[in-house]
Amino acid sequence: MTEWISARQFHDEPGTTGWHVLYGGAQTVFPTGSFATGVEFVRRIAAETAEVGREPDIDLRPEAVVVRTAASPGGRIDAADAELARRISAIARDLGLEPDPSRLHTIQIAIAEAEGVSTRDFWVAALGYEVIGGLIVDPLRRGPRMWFDELRAPGRGRTHIDVAVPNDRVKARVAAVRAAGGRLADDSHVPDWWTMASPDNHGVDIVAWGDVDDEA
């Protein structure tokens, strides 16, 4: 049986500096400077996965490589994820690469529903997603995952976007939203998340709790 670890336990493991536990698992961004460097980085990561027994999700771009590892499709992590993160960071150092958490975030969408109404099957069919617990997710983990928020008065401004950022970056992200015309709509959940609203009342939660969560 898999023994899950919490975000805080992950951070306590040596060699995980620069990684963060956001929606989908433990992850980070490595700027590479060139596509060729990124390809070589990915090649070396692939060579390590067999020993660890965990294959990460990798997004290779000309300017950076994004790596995410998780033990379950819903994003829960275990000791193998910490070990893989440690090995990937060692490979990065050998190539002269450093993680850049300031470029890291993940997104999920909270779909507002009236009491007693389920739109889950609609969204699964429309997006080609699959059900994982209380979430629906892209089978290839490319698009944002979604969850369902039952409200007594759903409507415009109620369906909202959750943006998970590294815990130590959340205040900078909130400040940027405010500078762009946003306002703090609800501070009752701070410091776990900040509920922001656009000038036209679009809702966004800037989420920090997952990166320091004590629950496995």
N, C-alpha and C. Protein backbone atom coordinates (compact mmCIF):
# COMPACT_ATOMS: atom_id res chain seq x y z
N MET A 1 0.83 -1.20 0.00
CA MET A 1 0.00 0.00 0.00
C MET A 1 0.87 1.25 0.00
N THR A 2 0.52 2.21 -0.84
CA THR A 2 1.31 3.43 -0.95
C THR A 2 1.21 4.25 0.33
N GLU A 3 2.36 4.72 0.81
CA GLU A 3 2.39 5.61 1.96
C GLU A 3 2.56 7.03 1.45
N TRP A 4 1.47 7.80 1.49
CA TRP A 4 1.52 9.16 0.99
C TRP A 4 2.33 10.04 1.94
N ILE A 5 2.91 11.09 1.40
CA ILE A 5 3.59 12.09 2.23
C ILE A 5 2.94 13.45 1.97
N SER A 6 3.05 14.34 2.94
CA SER A 6 2.48 15.67 2.82
C SER A 6 3.45 16.60 2.08
N ALA A 7 2.96 17.77 1.73
CA ALA A 7 3.83 18.77 1.10
C ALA A 7 4.97 19.14 2.04
N ARG A 8 4.65 19.30 3.32
CA ARG A 8 5.69 19.67 4.28
C ARG A 8 6.74 18.56 4.40
N GLN A 9 6.30 17.31 4.41
CA GLN A 9 7.26 16.20 4.46
C GLN A 9 8.12 16.16 3.21
N PHE A 10 7.52 16.47 2.07
CA PHE A 10 8.29 16.53 0.83
C PHE A 10 9.39 17.58 0.94
N HIS A 11 9.05 18.77 1.44
CA HIS A 11 10.03 19.84 1.56
C HIS A 11 11.11 19.52 2.58
N ASP A 12 10.78 18.68 3.55
CA ASP A 12 11.77 18.29 4.56
C ASP A 12 12.82 17.32 4.01
N GLU A 13 12.52 16.70 2.89
CA GLU A 13 13.47 15.76 2.28
C GLU A 13 14.65 16.54 1.68
N PRO A 14 15.89 16.05 1.85
CA PRO A 14 17.04 16.76 1.26
C PRO A 14 16.99 16.71 -0.26
N GLY A 15 17.46 17.78 -0.88
CA GLY A 15 17.56 17.81 -2.33
C GLY A 15 16.30 18.25 -3.06
N THR A 16 15.28 18.72 -2.31
CA THR A 16 14.03 19.14 -2.96
C THR A 16 13.88 20.66 -3.05
N THR A 17 14.92 21.39 -2.71
CA THR A 17 14.87 22.85 -2.79
C THR A 17 14.54 23.30 -4.22
N GLY A 18 13.64 24.24 -4.33
CA GLY A 18 13.25 24.74 -5.64
C GLY A 18 12.03 24.05 -6.22
N TRP A 19 11.59 22.96 -5.57
CA TRP A 19 10.37 22.25 -5.97
C TRP A 19 9.22 22.71 -5.08
N HIS A 20 8.00 22.62 -5.64
CA HIS A 20 6.83 23.04 -4.89
C HIS A 20 5.69 22.07 -5.16
N VAL A 21 4.85 21.87 -4.14
CA VAL A 21 3.72 20.94 -4.26
C VAL A 21 2.46 21.77 -4.55
N LEU A 22 2.06 21.77 -5.81
CA LEU A 22 0.88 22.50 -6.26
C LEU A 22 -0.13 21.49 -6.79
N TYR A 23 -1.21 21.97 -7.44
CA TYR A 23 -2.17 21.04 -8.02
C TYR A 23 -1.44 20.08 -8.96
N GLY A 24 -1.65 18.79 -8.78
CA GLY A 24 -1.06 17.81 -9.69
C GLY A 24 0.20 17.15 -9.22
N GLY A 25 0.81 17.64 -8.13
CA GLY A 25 2.00 16.99 -7.63
C GLY A 25 3.15 17.94 -7.37
N ALA A 26 4.34 17.36 -7.14
CA ALA A 26 5.55 18.15 -6.91
C ALA A 26 6.11 18.59 -8.26
N GLN A 27 6.48 19.85 -8.36
CA GLN A 27 6.85 20.38 -9.68
C GLN A 27 7.79 21.57 -9.58
N THR A 28 8.45 21.86 -10.70
CA THR A 28 9.28 23.05 -10.79
C THR A 28 9.55 23.38 -12.26
N VAL A 29 10.15 24.55 -12.47
CA VAL A 29 10.51 25.02 -13.81
C VAL A 29 12.02 25.22 -13.87
N PHE A 30 12.65 24.67 -14.90
CA PHE A 30 14.08 24.87 -15.12
C PHE A 30 14.27 25.66 -16.41
N PRO A 31 14.64 26.95 -16.36
CA PRO A 31 15.00 27.66 -17.58
C PRO A 31 16.25 27.02 -18.19
N THR A 32 16.24 26.83 -19.49
CA THR A 32 17.33 26.11 -20.14
C THR A 32 18.17 26.97 -21.08
N GLY A 33 17.57 28.02 -21.61
CA GLY A 33 18.32 28.88 -22.52
C GLY A 33 18.32 28.42 -23.95
N SER A 34 18.07 27.13 -24.17
CA SER A 34 18.03 26.62 -25.54
C SER A 34 17.24 25.31 -25.58
N PHE A 35 16.69 25.03 -26.73
CA PHE A 35 15.94 23.79 -26.92
C PHE A 35 16.87 22.59 -26.80
N ALA A 36 18.09 22.70 -27.34
CA ALA A 36 19.04 21.59 -27.30
C ALA A 36 19.39 21.21 -25.86
N THR A 37 19.59 22.22 -25.01
CA THR A 37 19.88 21.94 -23.60
C THR A 37 18.68 21.25 -22.94
N GLY A 38 17.48 21.70 -23.28
CA GLY A 38 16.28 21.07 -22.74
C GLY A 38 16.17 19.62 -23.14
N VAL A 39 16.46 19.31 -24.40
CA VAL A 39 16.40 17.94 -24.89
C VAL A 39 17.39 17.06 -24.13
N GLU A 40 18.61 17.56 -23.93
CA GLU A 40 19.61 16.78 -23.20
C GLU A 40 19.18 16.57 -21.74
N PHE A 41 18.60 17.59 -21.15
CA PHE A 41 18.09 17.48 -19.78
C PHE A 41 17.03 16.39 -19.69
N VAL A 42 16.08 16.41 -20.61
CA VAL A 42 15.01 15.40 -20.61
C VAL A 42 15.57 14.01 -20.84
N ARG A 43 16.56 13.89 -21.73
CA ARG A 43 17.18 12.58 -21.99
C ARG A 43 17.78 12.00 -20.72
N ARG A 44 18.47 12.84 -19.95
CA ARG A 44 19.10 12.37 -18.72
C ARG A 44 18.05 12.03 -17.65
N ILE A 45 16.99 12.80 -17.59
CA ILE A 45 15.91 12.48 -16.66
C ILE A 45 15.33 11.11 -16.98
N ALA A 46 15.09 10.85 -18.26
CA ALA A 46 14.51 9.57 -18.68
C ALA A 46 15.38 8.40 -18.24
N ALA A 47 16.68 8.59 -18.26
CA ALA A 47 17.60 7.51 -17.87
C ALA A 47 17.50 7.20 -16.38
N GLU A 48 17.03 8.15 -15.57
CA GLU A 48 16.94 7.95 -14.12
C GLU A 48 15.62 7.31 -13.69
N THR A 49 14.61 7.39 -14.52
CA THR A 49 13.27 7.01 -14.06
C THR A 49 13.15 5.52 -13.75
N ALA A 50 13.85 4.68 -14.47
CA ALA A 50 13.73 3.23 -14.25
C ALA A 50 14.16 2.85 -12.84
N GLU A 51 15.25 3.46 -12.35
CA GLU A 51 15.74 3.12 -11.01
C GLU A 51 14.77 3.58 -9.92
N VAL A 52 14.15 4.73 -10.13
CA VAL A 52 13.24 5.28 -9.12
C VAL A 52 11.87 4.63 -9.19
N GLY A 53 11.47 4.21 -10.38
CA GLY A 53 10.15 3.62 -10.55
C GLY A 53 9.04 4.66 -10.66
N ARG A 54 9.38 5.84 -11.13
CA ARG A 54 8.40 6.91 -11.27
C ARG A 54 8.74 7.70 -12.54
N GLU A 55 7.76 7.87 -13.41
CA GLU A 55 7.97 8.64 -14.64
C GLU A 55 7.23 9.96 -14.53
N PRO A 56 7.95 11.08 -14.59
CA PRO A 56 7.31 12.38 -14.39
C PRO A 56 6.64 12.89 -15.68
N ASP A 57 5.75 13.87 -15.51
CA ASP A 57 5.26 14.63 -16.64
C ASP A 57 6.29 15.70 -16.96
N ILE A 58 6.63 15.83 -18.24
CA ILE A 58 7.64 16.80 -18.66
C ILE A 58 7.09 17.64 -19.79
N ASP A 59 7.21 18.96 -19.65
CA ASP A 59 6.81 19.90 -20.69
C ASP A 59 8.08 20.56 -21.20
N LEU A 60 8.47 20.19 -22.41
CA LEU A 60 9.71 20.70 -23.02
C LEU A 60 9.37 21.87 -23.93
N ARG A 61 9.93 23.01 -23.63
CA ARG A 61 9.76 24.21 -24.46
C ARG A 61 11.13 24.75 -24.85
N PRO A 62 11.20 25.60 -25.88
CA PRO A 62 12.52 26.12 -26.28
C PRO A 62 13.26 26.85 -25.16
N GLU A 63 12.52 27.47 -24.23
CA GLU A 63 13.17 28.27 -23.21
C GLU A 63 13.21 27.62 -21.82
N ALA A 64 12.49 26.52 -21.63
CA ALA A 64 12.42 25.95 -20.28
C ALA A 64 11.89 24.52 -20.33
N VAL A 65 12.12 23.81 -19.22
CA VAL A 65 11.55 22.48 -19.02
C VAL A 65 10.76 22.52 -17.71
N VAL A 66 9.50 22.11 -17.77
CA VAL A 66 8.66 22.01 -16.58
C VAL A 66 8.54 20.53 -16.23
N VAL A 67 8.80 20.19 -14.98
CA VAL A 67 8.75 18.80 -14.54
C VAL A 67 7.75 18.68 -13.39
N ARG A 68 6.90 17.65 -13.47
CA ARG A 68 5.93 17.39 -12.40
C ARG A 68 5.90 15.90 -12.12
N THR A 69 5.93 15.54 -10.85
CA THR A 69 5.89 14.13 -10.49
C THR A 69 4.85 13.90 -9.41
N ALA A 70 4.10 12.80 -9.53
CA ALA A 70 3.07 12.45 -8.56
C ALA A 70 2.85 10.95 -8.59
N ALA A 71 2.41 10.43 -7.44
CA ALA A 71 2.17 8.99 -7.32
C ALA A 71 0.78 8.60 -7.76
N SER A 72 -0.12 9.58 -7.90
CA SER A 72 -1.50 9.28 -8.29
C SER A 72 -1.97 10.29 -9.32
N PRO A 73 -2.97 9.94 -10.13
CA PRO A 73 -3.49 10.89 -11.13
C PRO A 73 -4.03 12.18 -10.51
N GLY A 74 -4.48 12.10 -9.26
CA GLY A 74 -5.00 13.28 -8.59
C GLY A 74 -3.92 14.18 -8.00
N GLY A 75 -2.66 13.74 -8.02
CA GLY A 75 -1.56 14.58 -7.58
C GLY A 75 -0.99 14.26 -6.21
N ARG A 76 -1.41 13.15 -5.59
CA ARG A 76 -0.82 12.79 -4.29
C ARG A 76 0.60 12.30 -4.50
N ILE A 77 1.46 12.50 -3.50
CA ILE A 77 2.88 12.19 -3.65
C ILE A 77 3.34 11.24 -2.57
N ASP A 78 4.47 10.56 -2.86
CA ASP A 78 5.07 9.66 -1.89
C ASP A 78 6.58 9.83 -1.93
N ALA A 79 7.31 8.95 -1.23
CA ALA A 79 8.76 9.10 -1.11
C ALA A 79 9.47 9.00 -2.45
N ALA A 80 8.91 8.24 -3.38
CA ALA A 80 9.55 8.12 -4.70
C ALA A 80 9.57 9.45 -5.43
N ASP A 81 8.55 10.28 -5.21
CA ASP A 81 8.53 11.59 -5.85
C ASP A 81 9.64 12.48 -5.30
N ALA A 82 9.88 12.40 -4.00
CA ALA A 82 10.98 13.17 -3.41
C ALA A 82 12.33 12.69 -3.94
N GLU A 83 12.47 11.37 -4.07
CA GLU A 83 13.72 10.82 -4.60
C GLU A 83 13.93 11.23 -6.05
N LEU A 84 12.87 11.20 -6.85
CA LEU A 84 13.00 11.61 -8.25
C LEU A 84 13.34 13.10 -8.34
N ALA A 85 12.71 13.93 -7.52
CA ALA A 85 13.02 15.36 -7.51
C ALA A 85 14.49 15.59 -7.17
N ARG A 86 15.00 14.84 -6.20
CA ARG A 86 16.40 14.96 -5.80
C ARG A 86 17.32 14.62 -6.96
N ARG A 87 17.02 13.54 -7.66
CA ARG A 87 17.87 13.12 -8.78
C ARG A 87 17.79 14.10 -9.95
N ILE A 88 16.59 14.61 -10.22
CA ILE A 88 16.44 15.57 -11.32
C ILE A 88 17.19 16.86 -11.00
N SER A 89 17.14 17.30 -9.75
CA SER A 89 17.88 18.51 -9.37
C SER A 89 19.38 18.31 -9.52
N ALA A 90 19.86 17.10 -9.22
CA ALA A 90 21.29 16.81 -9.39
C ALA A 90 21.68 16.85 -10.87
N ILE A 91 20.83 16.31 -11.73
CA ILE A 91 21.08 16.38 -13.17
C ILE A 91 21.12 17.84 -13.63
N ALA A 92 20.17 18.63 -13.14
CA ALA A 92 20.11 20.05 -13.51
C ALA A 92 21.40 20.76 -13.11
N ARG A 93 21.87 20.52 -11.91
CA ARG A 93 23.11 21.17 -11.46
C ARG A 93 24.28 20.79 -12.35
N ASP A 94 24.31 19.53 -12.76
CA ASP A 94 25.39 19.07 -13.63
C ASP A 94 25.37 19.80 -14.98
N LEU A 95 24.18 20.21 -15.39
CA LEU A 95 24.03 20.95 -16.66
C LEU A 95 24.07 22.46 -16.47
N GLY A 96 24.28 22.88 -15.23
CA GLY A 96 24.33 24.31 -14.94
C GLY A 96 22.96 24.97 -14.91
N LEU A 97 21.91 24.19 -14.61
CA LEU A 97 20.54 24.71 -14.58
C LEU A 97 20.07 24.89 -13.14
N GLU A 98 19.27 25.92 -12.92
CA GLU A 98 18.69 26.19 -11.61
C GLU A 98 17.18 26.36 -11.75
N PRO A 99 16.39 25.87 -10.78
CA PRO A 99 14.94 26.05 -10.85
C PRO A 99 14.56 27.52 -10.67
N ASP A 100 13.44 27.90 -11.27
CA ASP A 100 12.94 29.26 -11.16
C ASP A 100 11.49 29.22 -10.71
N PRO A 101 11.24 29.15 -9.39
CA PRO A 101 9.86 29.04 -8.89
C PRO A 101 8.99 30.24 -9.24
N SER A 102 9.59 31.38 -9.56
CA SER A 102 8.80 32.56 -9.89
C SER A 102 7.96 32.35 -11.15
N ARG A 103 8.33 31.35 -11.96
CA ARG A 103 7.60 31.08 -13.20
C ARG A 103 6.63 29.90 -13.04
N LEU A 104 6.47 29.44 -11.81
CA LEU A 104 5.68 28.23 -11.58
C LEU A 104 4.28 28.56 -11.06
N HIS A 105 3.27 27.98 -11.67
CA HIS A 105 1.90 28.01 -11.14
C HIS A 105 1.10 26.91 -11.83
N THR A 106 0.03 26.50 -11.21
CA THR A 106 -0.90 25.57 -11.84
C THR A 106 -2.32 26.09 -11.65
N ILE A 107 -3.22 25.66 -12.52
CA ILE A 107 -4.56 26.22 -12.56
C ILE A 107 -5.60 25.11 -12.45
N GLN A 108 -6.65 25.37 -11.68
CA GLN A 108 -7.84 24.52 -11.72
C GLN A 108 -9.07 25.44 -11.78
N ILE A 109 -10.17 24.90 -12.23
CA ILE A 109 -11.39 25.68 -12.40
C ILE A 109 -12.47 25.11 -11.49
N ALA A 110 -13.11 25.99 -10.73
CA ALA A 110 -14.21 25.60 -9.84
C ALA A 110 -15.52 25.94 -10.54
N ILE A 111 -16.27 24.91 -10.93
CA ILE A 111 -17.53 25.09 -11.64
C ILE A 111 -18.67 25.24 -10.63
N ALA A 112 -19.34 26.38 -10.66
CA ALA A 112 -20.47 26.61 -9.76
C ALA A 112 -21.69 25.82 -10.23
N GLU A 113 -22.34 25.16 -9.28
CA GLU A 113 -23.56 24.40 -9.57
C GLU A 113 -24.64 24.74 -8.55
N ALA A 114 -25.88 24.72 -9.01
CA ALA A 114 -27.00 24.90 -8.09
C ALA A 114 -27.12 23.67 -7.21
N GLU A 115 -27.72 23.83 -6.06
CA GLU A 115 -27.92 22.71 -5.15
C GLU A 115 -28.70 21.59 -5.84
N GLY A 116 -28.17 20.36 -5.72
CA GLY A 116 -28.85 19.20 -6.29
C GLY A 116 -28.65 19.00 -7.77
N VAL A 117 -27.83 19.86 -8.41
CA VAL A 117 -27.59 19.75 -9.85
C VAL A 117 -26.15 19.28 -10.07
N SER A 118 -25.97 18.29 -10.95
CA SER A 118 -24.63 17.82 -11.32
C SER A 118 -24.39 18.05 -12.80
N THR A 119 -23.32 18.78 -13.10
CA THR A 119 -22.93 19.00 -14.50
C THR A 119 -21.67 18.22 -14.85
N ARG A 120 -21.25 17.32 -13.96
CA ARG A 120 -19.98 16.61 -14.15
C ARG A 120 -19.94 15.88 -15.49
N ASP A 121 -20.97 15.09 -15.80
CA ASP A 121 -20.95 14.30 -17.03
C ASP A 121 -20.90 15.18 -18.26
N PHE A 122 -21.54 16.34 -18.20
CA PHE A 122 -21.49 17.30 -19.31
C PHE A 122 -20.05 17.73 -19.58
N TRP A 123 -19.35 18.12 -18.51
CA TRP A 123 -17.97 18.59 -18.69
C TRP A 123 -17.03 17.47 -19.11
N VAL A 124 -17.24 16.27 -18.58
CA VAL A 124 -16.42 15.12 -18.98
C VAL A 124 -16.56 14.88 -20.49
N ALA A 125 -17.80 14.91 -20.97
CA ALA A 125 -18.04 14.67 -22.39
C ALA A 125 -17.51 15.80 -23.25
N ALA A 126 -17.71 17.04 -22.81
CA ALA A 126 -17.30 18.19 -23.62
C ALA A 126 -15.78 18.31 -23.73
N LEU A 127 -15.07 17.99 -22.66
CA LEU A 127 -13.63 18.20 -22.61
C LEU A 127 -12.82 16.94 -22.86
N GLY A 128 -13.47 15.76 -22.85
CA GLY A 128 -12.72 14.52 -22.98
C GLY A 128 -11.93 14.20 -21.73
N TYR A 129 -12.40 14.68 -20.57
CA TYR A 129 -11.72 14.46 -19.30
C TYR A 129 -12.16 13.13 -18.69
N GLU A 130 -11.56 12.79 -17.54
CA GLU A 130 -11.95 11.60 -16.80
C GLU A 130 -12.13 11.95 -15.33
N VAL A 131 -12.90 11.14 -14.63
CA VAL A 131 -13.22 11.41 -13.23
C VAL A 131 -12.15 10.81 -12.33
N ILE A 132 -11.59 11.63 -11.44
CA ILE A 132 -10.63 11.18 -10.43
C ILE A 132 -11.12 11.71 -9.08
N GLY A 133 -11.78 10.85 -8.31
CA GLY A 133 -12.34 11.31 -7.05
C GLY A 133 -13.37 12.40 -7.28
N GLY A 134 -13.21 13.53 -6.59
CA GLY A 134 -14.13 14.65 -6.77
C GLY A 134 -13.73 15.61 -7.87
N LEU A 135 -12.70 15.25 -8.63
CA LEU A 135 -12.20 16.10 -9.71
C LEU A 135 -12.50 15.48 -11.06
N ILE A 136 -12.43 16.29 -12.12
CA ILE A 136 -12.28 15.74 -13.46
C ILE A 136 -10.99 16.31 -14.02
N VAL A 137 -10.24 15.45 -14.72
CA VAL A 137 -8.90 15.83 -15.15
C VAL A 137 -8.66 15.41 -16.60
N ASP A 138 -7.79 16.15 -17.25
CA ASP A 138 -7.30 15.79 -18.58
C ASP A 138 -6.49 14.50 -18.45
N PRO A 139 -6.81 13.44 -19.19
CA PRO A 139 -6.05 12.18 -19.06
C PRO A 139 -4.55 12.35 -19.28
N LEU A 140 -4.16 13.33 -20.10
CA LEU A 140 -2.74 13.59 -20.33
C LEU A 140 -2.22 14.76 -19.50
N ARG A 141 -3.07 15.28 -18.61
CA ARG A 141 -2.68 16.30 -17.65
C ARG A 141 -2.15 17.56 -18.32
N ARG A 142 -2.75 17.91 -19.45
CA ARG A 142 -2.36 19.14 -20.15
C ARG A 142 -3.23 20.32 -19.72
N GLY A 143 -4.55 20.12 -19.72
CA GLY A 143 -5.47 21.19 -19.36
C GLY A 143 -5.67 21.29 -17.87
N PRO A 144 -6.28 22.38 -17.41
CA PRO A 144 -6.53 22.54 -15.97
C PRO A 144 -7.55 21.54 -15.47
N ARG A 145 -7.34 21.06 -14.27
CA ARG A 145 -8.33 20.16 -13.68
C ARG A 145 -9.51 20.99 -13.18
N MET A 146 -10.64 20.32 -12.91
CA MET A 146 -11.85 21.01 -12.53
C MET A 146 -12.50 20.34 -11.33
N TRP A 147 -13.16 21.13 -10.49
CA TRP A 147 -13.95 20.59 -9.39
C TRP A 147 -15.28 21.32 -9.36
N PHE A 148 -16.21 20.83 -8.54
CA PHE A 148 -17.57 21.33 -8.60
C PHE A 148 -17.98 21.92 -7.25
N ASP A 149 -18.42 23.16 -7.30
CA ASP A 149 -18.70 23.96 -6.11
C ASP A 149 -20.21 24.19 -6.04
N GLU A 150 -20.88 23.46 -5.13
CA GLU A 150 -22.33 23.60 -5.01
C GLU A 150 -22.67 24.88 -4.25
N LEU A 151 -23.41 25.77 -4.90
CA LEU A 151 -23.77 27.05 -4.32
C LEU A 151 -25.28 27.25 -4.34
N ARG A 152 -25.77 28.00 -3.40
CA ARG A 152 -27.20 28.27 -3.37
C ARG A 152 -27.61 29.25 -4.47
N ALA A 153 -26.68 30.10 -4.89
CA ALA A 153 -27.03 31.09 -5.91
C ALA A 153 -25.93 31.17 -6.96
N PRO A 154 -25.73 30.08 -7.75
CA PRO A 154 -24.70 30.13 -8.78
C PRO A 154 -25.08 31.13 -9.87
N GLY A 155 -24.10 31.61 -10.59
CA GLY A 155 -24.37 32.58 -11.65
C GLY A 155 -23.11 33.30 -12.02
N ARG A 156 -23.25 34.42 -12.71
CA ARG A 156 -22.09 35.17 -13.18
C ARG A 156 -21.22 35.57 -11.99
N GLY A 157 -19.92 35.33 -12.13
CA GLY A 157 -19.00 35.65 -11.07
C GLY A 157 -18.83 34.54 -10.04
N ARG A 158 -19.58 33.44 -10.16
CA ARG A 158 -19.50 32.36 -9.17
C ARG A 158 -18.54 31.26 -9.60
N THR A 159 -18.61 30.83 -10.86
CA THR A 159 -17.58 29.92 -11.37
C THR A 159 -16.27 30.71 -11.38
N HIS A 160 -15.23 30.12 -10.78
CA HIS A 160 -13.99 30.88 -10.66
C HIS A 160 -12.78 30.00 -10.96
N ILE A 161 -11.64 30.64 -11.08
CA ILE A 161 -10.37 29.97 -11.36
C ILE A 161 -9.52 29.96 -10.10
N ASP A 162 -8.92 28.81 -9.79
CA ASP A 162 -7.95 28.69 -8.71
C ASP A 162 -6.55 28.68 -9.32
N VAL A 163 -5.68 29.52 -8.84
CA VAL A 163 -4.29 29.56 -9.31
C VAL A 163 -3.38 29.24 -8.13
N ALA A 164 -2.75 28.07 -8.16
CA ALA A 164 -1.84 27.66 -7.09
C ALA A 164 -0.43 28.14 -7.41
N VAL A 165 0.20 28.79 -6.44
CA VAL A 165 1.56 29.30 -6.61
C VAL A 165 2.40 28.83 -5.43
N PRO A 166 3.74 28.86 -5.56
CA PRO A 166 4.58 28.56 -4.41
C PRO A 166 4.22 29.45 -3.22
N ASN A 167 4.24 28.88 -2.03
CA ASN A 167 3.80 29.60 -0.85
C ASN A 167 4.54 30.92 -0.66
N ASP A 168 5.83 30.93 -0.97
CA ASP A 168 6.60 32.15 -0.76
C ASP A 168 6.45 33.16 -1.89
N ARG A 169 5.60 32.84 -2.90
CA ARG A 169 5.37 33.76 -4.02
C ARG A 169 3.97 34.35 -4.00
N VAL A 170 3.15 33.94 -3.05
CA VAL A 170 1.73 34.30 -3.12
C VAL A 170 1.51 35.80 -2.93
N LYS A 171 2.23 36.44 -2.03
CA LYS A 171 2.01 37.86 -1.80
C LYS A 171 2.40 38.68 -3.03
N ALA A 172 3.44 38.26 -3.71
CA ALA A 172 3.84 38.96 -4.94
C ALA A 172 2.77 38.81 -6.01
N ARG A 173 2.16 37.61 -6.10
CA ARG A 173 1.12 37.39 -7.11
C ARG A 173 -0.13 38.23 -6.77
N VAL A 174 -0.50 38.26 -5.50
CA VAL A 174 -1.65 39.07 -5.09
C VAL A 174 -1.40 40.55 -5.39
N ALA A 175 -0.19 41.02 -5.11
CA ALA A 175 0.15 42.42 -5.38
C ALA A 175 0.05 42.72 -6.87
N ALA A 176 0.48 41.76 -7.70
CA ALA A 176 0.41 41.97 -9.15
C ALA A 176 -1.03 42.05 -9.62
N VAL A 177 -1.90 41.21 -9.03
CA VAL A 177 -3.32 41.25 -9.39
C VAL A 177 -3.93 42.59 -8.99
N ARG A 178 -3.59 43.07 -7.82
CA ARG A 178 -4.11 44.37 -7.38
C ARG A 178 -3.62 45.49 -8.29
N ALA A 179 -2.35 45.43 -8.67
CA ALA A 179 -1.79 46.47 -9.54
C ALA A 179 -2.44 46.47 -10.91
N ALA A 180 -3.00 45.31 -11.30
CA ALA A 180 -3.66 45.19 -12.60
C ALA A 180 -5.15 45.52 -12.53
N GLY A 181 -5.61 46.07 -11.41
CA GLY A 181 -7.00 46.48 -11.28
C GLY A 181 -7.87 45.55 -10.46
N GLY A 182 -7.29 44.47 -9.93
CA GLY A 182 -8.07 43.54 -9.12
C GLY A 182 -8.27 44.06 -7.71
N ARG A 183 -9.20 43.42 -7.01
CA ARG A 183 -9.46 43.78 -5.62
C ARG A 183 -9.57 42.51 -4.78
N LEU A 184 -9.31 42.64 -3.50
CA LEU A 184 -9.46 41.53 -2.57
C LEU A 184 -10.94 41.44 -2.21
N ALA A 185 -11.61 40.40 -2.70
CA ALA A 185 -13.05 40.25 -2.49
C ALA A 185 -13.38 39.56 -1.17
N ASP A 186 -12.46 38.72 -0.67
CA ASP A 186 -12.73 37.96 0.55
C ASP A 186 -11.39 37.58 1.17
N ASP A 187 -11.15 38.03 2.39
CA ASP A 187 -9.88 37.70 3.06
C ASP A 187 -10.07 36.70 4.19
N SER A 188 -11.23 36.04 4.24
CA SER A 188 -11.53 35.15 5.36
C SER A 188 -10.71 33.86 5.34
N HIS A 189 -10.08 33.54 4.21
CA HIS A 189 -9.29 32.31 4.12
C HIS A 189 -7.79 32.57 4.07
N VAL A 190 -7.39 33.83 4.13
CA VAL A 190 -5.97 34.18 4.16
C VAL A 190 -5.35 33.62 5.44
N PRO A 191 -4.16 32.99 5.43
CA PRO A 191 -3.19 32.91 4.34
C PRO A 191 -3.28 31.66 3.46
N ASP A 192 -4.37 30.89 3.55
CA ASP A 192 -4.50 29.71 2.69
C ASP A 192 -4.75 30.11 1.24
N TRP A 193 -5.69 31.03 1.07
CA TRP A 193 -5.90 31.58 -0.27
C TRP A 193 -6.52 32.97 -0.19
N TRP A 194 -6.27 33.76 -1.24
CA TRP A 194 -6.79 35.11 -1.38
C TRP A 194 -7.84 35.09 -2.48
N THR A 195 -9.07 35.49 -2.18
CA THR A 195 -10.13 35.54 -3.18
C THR A 195 -10.13 36.93 -3.81
N MET A 196 -9.75 36.98 -5.08
CA MET A 196 -9.62 38.23 -5.81
C MET A 196 -10.76 38.36 -6.83
N ALA A 197 -11.05 39.59 -7.21
CA ALA A 197 -12.06 39.84 -8.23
C ALA A 197 -11.54 40.87 -9.22
N SER A 198 -11.85 40.66 -10.48
CA SER A 198 -11.47 41.61 -11.53
C SER A 198 -12.39 42.83 -11.47
N PRO A 199 -12.08 43.90 -12.22
CA PRO A 199 -12.99 45.05 -12.25
C PRO A 199 -14.40 44.69 -12.72
N ASP A 200 -14.55 43.56 -13.44
CA ASP A 200 -15.86 43.14 -13.90
C ASP A 200 -16.36 41.92 -13.13
N ASN A 201 -15.78 41.69 -11.94
CA ASN A 201 -16.24 40.66 -11.00
C ASN A 201 -15.96 39.23 -11.43
N HIS A 202 -14.91 38.99 -12.19
CA HIS A 202 -14.45 37.63 -12.44
C HIS A 202 -13.66 37.16 -11.22
N GLY A 203 -13.93 35.95 -10.75
CA GLY A 203 -13.32 35.48 -9.52
C GLY A 203 -12.07 34.63 -9.74
N VAL A 204 -11.04 34.90 -8.95
CA VAL A 204 -9.80 34.12 -8.97
C VAL A 204 -9.34 33.93 -7.53
N ASP A 205 -9.07 32.68 -7.13
CA ASP A 205 -8.44 32.41 -5.84
C ASP A 205 -6.95 32.20 -6.07
N ILE A 206 -6.13 32.99 -5.42
CA ILE A 206 -4.68 32.79 -5.45
C ILE A 206 -4.35 31.90 -4.25
N VAL A 207 -3.91 30.69 -4.53
CA VAL A 207 -3.86 29.62 -3.52
C VAL A 207 -2.43 29.32 -3.09
N ALA A 208 -2.21 29.29 -1.77
CA ALA A 208 -0.87 29.04 -1.24
C ALA A 208 -0.80 27.84 -0.32
N TRP A 209 -1.95 27.32 0.16
CA TRP A 209 -1.93 26.32 1.23
C TRP A 209 -1.32 24.99 0.82
N GLY A 210 -1.52 24.58 -0.43
CA GLY A 210 -1.08 23.24 -0.83
C GLY A 210 0.41 23.01 -0.70
N ASP A 211 1.18 24.07 -0.87
CA ASP A 211 2.64 23.94 -0.85
C ASP A 211 3.21 23.74 0.54
N VAL A 212 2.39 23.97 1.58
CA VAL A 212 2.86 23.79 2.96
C VAL A 212 1.90 22.92 3.76
N ASP A 213 1.06 22.18 3.08
CA ASP A 213 0.04 21.36 3.74
C ASP A 213 0.68 20.26 4.57
N ASP A 214 0.12 20.02 5.76
CA ASP A 214 0.62 18.96 6.64
C ASP A 214 -0.05 17.62 6.40
N GLU A 215 -1.12 17.61 5.61
CA GLU A 215 -1.84 16.36 5.38
C GLU A 215 -1.29 15.64 4.15
N ALA A 216 -1.11 14.32 4.27
CA ALA A 216 -0.59 13.54 3.15
C ALA A 216 -1.71 13.30 2.14
